Amino acid sequence: MLISSEFKFTNFNCTSFDKKVGEFEYCYLKSINRSYKYISGKYKLYQIPFENIKVHFTMWKRLNGYKPFLYNITTDACKFLRNPKSSPVMKYIFESFIEYSNINHSCPYRNDLILEKLPIDFMNHRVTQILPIPEGDYLLEFLIQSAEEIDSRVEFTNVVCTCFNKSYCEYDYCFLKSVNRSYKYTSMKLRLYQLPIFKAVINVAIWKRYSGYKPFMYNITVDACKFLKNRNSNPVAKFHDLIMDKLPTDFINQRLTAVLPFPEGDYRIDFNWLHSHLIVLTTKVYLTLS
């Protein structure tokens, strides 16, 4: 069987969010001729040594906009470099550029980080022969941050509650309140009419704004009653508590920057309550991580 797929770079963008740590001296895609195209980048380090590094890798595939595809992982880069076999996915990614980079040793880093002339031919071999990937348009996103100090901040921006079946439920209230510059919370009260409820199915979906809101990382459905009896049954769901009353920004900030770090951006988290396979109510929480 002949594999005729061919890999091509189409764009290469680099952004430095904290100019005190470092900034990009150059970052570009260059086409020499029809058969030779490469990418290069140089990140100048200002805070040396550079250590305690986390790398967040997300793979997106274009399908009516870019959607998460296959991998969304966060790795302690220094631990990985000491033992590359600890993460097979990151090992594959690392081996896809290390021959063209000076990031080929363990932490700490004391010199500028360089990727020099990573060619199409090398990447084409990686994604068609070593680990074949389906044809399509992809976005590979690498977010690098210091694991020692995370200064991201969560801010609620809106909360919207809707009950689609008024014979089943109604919201008495659902609001976002800012008490002062440092204290903001969401509150809601849901009135249930069909009691008792022995079966509750909850769907939690996370969306990230990227030319409109796109699915991001998690879309999970759990039997809430079974989950509450055994919270270890779904470790992911443990991080998405149902909002009750006065859920403060500080608590969510700690969850999304320390317990389960998220990359910066604008998000929408949907909590959908299903009854007989139909969504009877939904709560949409909008927030910004910056």
Protein backbone atom coordinates (compact mmCIF):
# COMPACT_ATOMS: atom_id res chain seq x y z
CA MET A 1 0.00 0.00 0.00
CA LEU A 2 1.44 3.37 -1.03
CA ILE A 3 1.10 6.33 1.34
CA SER A 4 1.08 9.52 -0.75
CA SER A 5 0.31 12.05 1.99
CA GLU A 6 2.59 15.06 2.21
CA PHE A 7 3.24 17.41 5.11
CA LYS A 8 3.42 21.17 4.58
CA PHE A 9 3.99 24.13 6.90
CA THR A 10 1.48 26.93 6.28
CA ASN A 11 2.21 29.35 9.13
CA PHE A 12 4.32 29.78 12.27
CA ASN A 13 3.45 32.27 15.01
CA CYS A 14 5.23 32.96 18.32
CA THR A 15 4.04 35.17 21.20
CA SER A 16 5.81 36.14 24.40
CA PHE A 17 3.33 37.00 27.19
CA ASP A 18 5.88 38.07 29.81
CA LYS A 19 8.66 40.23 28.35
CA LYS A 20 10.47 40.17 31.72
CA VAL A 21 11.17 36.44 31.25
CA GLY A 22 12.14 36.65 27.60
CA GLU A 23 11.00 37.49 24.09
CA PHE A 24 11.31 36.18 20.56
CA GLU A 25 14.15 37.64 18.50
CA TYR A 26 12.76 35.95 15.41
CA CYS A 27 10.09 33.44 14.48
CA TYR A 28 9.34 32.68 10.84
CA LEU A 29 8.49 30.22 8.11
CA LYS A 30 10.74 30.44 5.06
CA SER A 31 10.34 28.92 1.61
CA ILE A 32 13.61 28.49 -0.28
CA ASN A 33 12.07 26.74 -3.27
CA ARG A 34 9.13 24.44 -4.07
CA SER A 35 10.70 21.50 -2.23
CA TYR A 36 12.55 23.17 0.65
CA LYS A 37 10.68 25.05 3.35
CA TYR A 38 11.59 25.35 7.03
CA ILE A 39 10.74 27.11 10.30
CA SER A 40 13.13 28.90 12.66
CA GLY A 41 12.75 30.67 15.98
CA LYS A 42 14.93 32.18 18.69
CA TYR A 43 13.71 33.01 22.20
CA LYS A 44 15.99 35.33 24.16
CA LEU A 45 16.01 34.48 27.87
CA TYR A 46 16.26 37.36 30.33
CA GLN A 47 15.59 35.46 33.57
CA ILE A 48 18.39 32.93 33.95
CA PRO A 49 18.44 30.12 34.92
CA PHE A 50 15.19 29.04 33.31
CA GLU A 51 13.83 25.99 35.14
CA ASN A 52 10.66 24.52 36.67
CA ILE A 53 9.04 24.54 33.25
CA LYS A 54 5.63 23.23 32.23
CA VAL A 55 4.73 22.60 28.60
CA HIS A 56 1.09 22.45 27.54
CA PHE A 57 0.59 20.90 24.10
CA THR A 58 -2.72 21.06 22.23
CA MET A 59 -3.44 19.60 18.83
CA TRP A 60 -6.28 21.10 16.78
CA LYS A 61 -7.82 19.96 13.51
CA ARG A 62 -9.77 22.27 11.21
CA LEU A 63 -13.35 21.14 10.82
CA ASN A 64 -15.74 24.11 10.59
CA GLY A 65 -13.13 25.96 12.61
CA TYR A 66 -10.32 24.39 14.62
CA LYS A 67 -11.42 21.65 17.04
CA PRO A 68 -9.31 19.78 19.65
CA PHE A 69 -7.90 16.59 18.15
CA LEU A 70 -6.14 13.63 19.79
CA TYR A 71 -3.84 15.35 22.27
CA ASN A 72 -4.17 17.97 24.99
CA ILE A 73 -1.50 17.33 27.59
CA THR A 74 0.58 19.19 30.17
CA THR A 75 4.07 17.97 31.08
CA ASP A 76 6.70 18.92 33.62
CA ALA A 77 9.44 19.58 31.06
CA CYS A 78 12.39 19.13 33.44
CA LYS A 79 11.13 15.78 34.73
CA PHE A 80 10.46 14.69 31.16
CA LEU A 81 13.98 15.59 30.02
CA ARG A 82 15.40 13.48 32.83
CA ASN A 83 13.24 10.54 31.76
CA PRO A 84 11.82 10.93 28.22
CA LYS A 85 10.13 7.51 28.40
CA SER A 86 7.79 8.90 31.05
CA SER A 87 5.61 10.48 28.34
CA PRO A 88 5.49 8.67 24.96
CA VAL A 89 3.51 11.49 23.33
CA MET A 90 5.93 14.21 24.42
CA LYS A 91 8.84 11.96 23.44
CA TYR A 92 7.45 11.75 19.91
CA ILE A 93 7.00 15.54 19.77
CA PHE A 94 10.44 16.18 21.28
CA GLU A 95 12.14 13.89 18.77
CA SER A 96 10.34 15.74 15.97
CA PHE A 97 12.45 18.89 16.41
CA ILE A 98 15.37 18.18 18.77
CA GLU A 99 17.89 17.58 15.96
CA TYR A 100 17.34 21.19 14.91
CA SER A 101 17.34 22.78 18.36
CA ASN A 102 19.66 23.52 21.27
CA ILE A 103 16.97 22.35 23.73
CA ASN A 104 18.74 19.02 23.94
CA HIS A 105 19.82 18.86 27.57
CA SER A 106 18.33 18.74 31.05
CA CYS A 107 17.25 21.78 33.08
CA PRO A 108 18.19 24.48 33.85
CA TYR A 109 18.54 26.52 30.66
CA ARG A 110 21.05 29.36 30.74
CA ASN A 111 21.17 30.33 27.06
CA ASP A 112 18.69 31.50 24.46
CA LEU A 113 16.37 28.78 23.11
CA ILE A 114 16.82 28.15 19.41
CA LEU A 115 14.98 26.17 16.74
CA GLU A 116 16.95 26.43 13.52
CA LYS A 117 15.72 25.41 10.07
CA LEU A 118 13.33 22.57 10.94
CA PRO A 119 12.54 21.30 7.41
CA ILE A 120 9.36 19.95 5.87
CA ASP A 121 11.01 16.70 4.77
CA PHE A 122 11.91 15.73 8.33
CA MET A 123 8.40 16.47 9.64
CA ASN A 124 6.81 14.76 6.64
CA HIS A 125 8.61 11.54 7.58
CA ARG A 126 7.48 11.86 11.22
CA VAL A 127 3.77 12.33 10.52
CA THR A 128 3.43 9.92 7.58
CA GLN A 129 5.81 7.09 8.53
CA ILE A 130 6.64 7.15 12.26
CA LEU A 131 3.18 8.05 13.59
CA PRO A 132 0.78 8.48 10.65
CA ILE A 133 -1.81 11.22 11.14
CA PRO A 134 -5.02 11.53 9.07
CA GLU A 135 -4.99 14.07 6.26
CA GLY A 136 -6.26 17.54 7.08
CA ASP A 137 -5.32 21.02 8.31
CA TYR A 138 -3.85 21.17 11.81
CA LEU A 139 -2.80 23.69 14.43
CA LEU A 140 -0.14 22.63 16.95
CA GLU A 141 -0.11 24.88 20.00
CA PHE A 142 2.69 24.91 22.58
CA LEU A 143 2.20 26.95 25.75
CA ILE A 144 5.30 27.20 27.94
CA GLN A 145 5.05 28.50 31.50
CA SER A 146 6.97 28.55 34.72
CA ALA A 147 5.71 25.84 37.05
CA GLU A 148 7.16 27.73 40.00
CA GLU A 149 5.07 30.87 39.67
CA ILE A 150 1.70 30.99 37.93
CA ASP A 151 0.31 34.53 37.83
CA SER A 152 -2.76 33.82 35.72
CA ARG A 153 -6.04 35.12 37.06
CA VAL A 154 -9.62 33.94 36.57
CA GLU A 155 -12.43 36.46 36.19
CA PHE A 156 -16.10 35.59 35.83
CA THR A 157 -17.61 37.59 32.97
CA ASN A 158 -21.18 36.27 32.82
CA VAL A 159 -23.52 33.49 33.95
CA VAL A 160 -26.69 32.49 32.10
CA CYS A 161 -29.24 29.98 33.40
CA THR A 162 -32.09 28.49 31.38
CA CYS A 163 -34.78 25.95 32.28
CA PHE A 164 -36.37 24.52 29.15
CA ASN A 165 -39.15 22.61 30.90
CA LYS A 166 -41.03 24.79 33.40
CA SER A 167 -42.96 21.79 34.72
CA TYR A 168 -39.62 20.29 35.75
CA CYS A 169 -37.78 23.32 37.13
CA GLU A 170 -37.38 27.06 37.36
CA TYR A 171 -34.56 29.36 38.43
CA ASP A 172 -35.47 31.69 41.28
CA TYR A 173 -32.32 33.64 40.55
CA CYS A 174 -29.07 33.32 38.62
CA PHE A 175 -26.56 36.16 38.69
CA LEU A 176 -22.96 37.30 38.79
CA LYS A 177 -22.18 39.85 41.50
CA SER A 178 -19.11 42.01 41.99
CA VAL A 179 -18.79 43.06 45.63
CA ASN A 180 -15.50 44.88 45.14
CA ARG A 181 -12.43 44.71 42.90
CA SER A 182 -11.17 41.53 44.57
CA TYR A 183 -14.39 39.70 45.40
CA LYS A 184 -16.79 38.50 42.71
CA TYR A 185 -19.08 35.50 42.84
CA THR A 186 -21.92 33.68 41.09
CA SER A 187 -25.15 32.60 42.78
CA MET A 188 -28.23 30.73 41.67
CA LYS A 189 -31.23 28.96 43.08
CA LEU A 190 -32.93 26.24 41.10
CA ARG A 191 -36.44 25.19 42.05
CA LEU A 192 -37.22 21.54 41.19
CA TYR A 193 -40.86 20.49 40.84
CA GLN A 194 -40.64 16.77 40.02
CA LEU A 195 -39.35 15.32 43.28
CA PRO A 196 -37.80 13.06 44.34
CA ILE A 197 -35.21 12.72 41.58
CA PHE A 198 -33.56 9.31 41.51
CA LYS A 199 -31.67 9.70 38.26
CA ALA A 200 -29.76 12.79 37.19
CA VAL A 201 -27.43 12.89 34.21
CA ILE A 202 -25.08 15.85 34.00
CA ASN A 203 -23.12 16.90 30.92
CA VAL A 204 -20.20 19.30 31.33
CA ALA A 205 -18.69 20.86 28.21
CA ILE A 206 -15.81 23.34 28.08
CA TRP A 207 -15.54 25.79 25.19
CA LYS A 208 -12.66 28.14 24.41
CA ARG A 209 -13.07 31.27 22.34
CA TYR A 210 -11.00 31.01 19.22
CA SER A 211 -12.74 32.79 16.34
CA GLY A 212 -15.95 31.91 18.15
CA TYR A 213 -16.34 29.36 20.93
CA LYS A 214 -14.90 25.94 20.04
CA PRO A 215 -14.98 22.66 22.04
CA PHE A 216 -11.96 22.45 24.34
CA MET A 217 -10.53 19.52 26.30
CA TYR A 218 -13.59 18.11 28.04
CA ASN A 219 -17.11 17.09 27.10
CA ILE A 220 -18.19 14.52 29.65
CA THR A 221 -21.48 13.04 30.74
CA VAL A 222 -21.88 11.37 34.13
CA ASP A 223 -24.63 9.75 36.15
CA ALA A 224 -24.66 12.34 38.93
CA CYS A 225 -26.22 10.03 41.51
CA LYS A 226 -23.60 7.33 40.99
CA PHE A 227 -20.84 9.93 40.95
CA LEU A 228 -21.95 11.44 44.27
CA LYS A 229 -21.90 7.96 45.82
CA ASN A 230 -18.37 7.38 44.53
CA ARG A 231 -16.52 10.55 43.59
CA ASN A 232 -13.45 8.60 42.50
CA SER A 233 -15.47 7.00 39.71
CA ASN A 234 -14.72 9.94 37.43
CA PRO A 235 -11.58 11.89 38.43
CA VAL A 236 -12.10 14.49 35.70
CA ALA A 237 -15.62 15.29 36.88
CA LYS A 238 -14.28 16.07 40.35
CA PHE A 239 -12.92 19.31 38.97
CA HIS A 240 -16.25 20.56 37.71
CA ASP A 241 -18.43 21.07 40.78
CA LEU A 242 -22.04 22.13 40.29
CA ILE A 243 -22.51 25.79 41.14
CA MET A 244 -24.73 26.38 44.17
CA ASP A 245 -24.37 29.72 45.93
CA LYS A 246 -21.67 32.42 46.11
CA LEU A 247 -19.04 30.54 44.17
CA PRO A 248 -16.10 32.98 44.39
CA THR A 249 -13.53 33.88 41.78
CA ASP A 250 -10.65 33.03 44.13
CA PHE A 251 -11.78 29.42 44.52
CA ILE A 252 -12.09 28.88 40.75
CA ASN A 253 -8.81 30.72 40.20
CA GLN A 254 -7.02 28.19 42.41
CA ARG A 255 -8.72 25.27 40.61
CA LEU A 256 -7.77 26.44 37.11
CA THR A 257 -4.24 27.68 37.81
CA ALA A 258 -2.93 25.31 40.49
CA VAL A 259 -5.03 22.13 40.72
CA LEU A 260 -5.71 21.62 37.00
CA PRO A 261 -3.90 24.40 35.08
CA PHE A 262 -5.62 25.77 31.99
CA PRO A 263 -4.00 27.92 29.30
CA GLU A 264 -5.00 31.58 29.23
CA GLY A 265 -8.03 32.58 27.21
CA ASP A 266 -11.78 33.16 27.23
CA TYR A 267 -13.92 30.17 28.19
CA ARG A 268 -17.52 29.07 28.48
CA ILE A 269 -18.42 26.13 30.70
CA ASP A 270 -21.82 24.52 30.05
CA PHE A 271 -23.56 22.47 32.73
CA ASN A 272 -26.46 20.57 31.16
CA TRP A 273 -28.98 18.54 33.17
CA LEU A 274 -30.55 15.74 31.14
CA HIS A 275 -33.83 13.97 31.80
CA SER A 276 -35.00 11.15 29.50
CA HIS A 277 -32.08 12.00 27.18
CA LEU A 278 -33.27 15.61 26.80
CA ILE A 279 -31.63 18.73 28.22
CA VAL A 280 -34.09 20.20 30.71
CA LEU A 281 -31.84 22.95 32.09
CA THR A 282 -28.50 24.51 31.37
CA THR A 283 -26.11 26.85 33.14
CA LYS A 284 -23.47 28.67 31.09
CA VAL A 285 -20.58 30.23 32.96
CA TYR A 286 -18.33 32.63 31.07
CA LEU A 287 -14.86 33.38 32.37
CA THR A 288 -11.50 34.76 31.35
CA LEU A 289 -8.13 33.35 32.37
CA SER A 290 -5.41 35.93 31.84
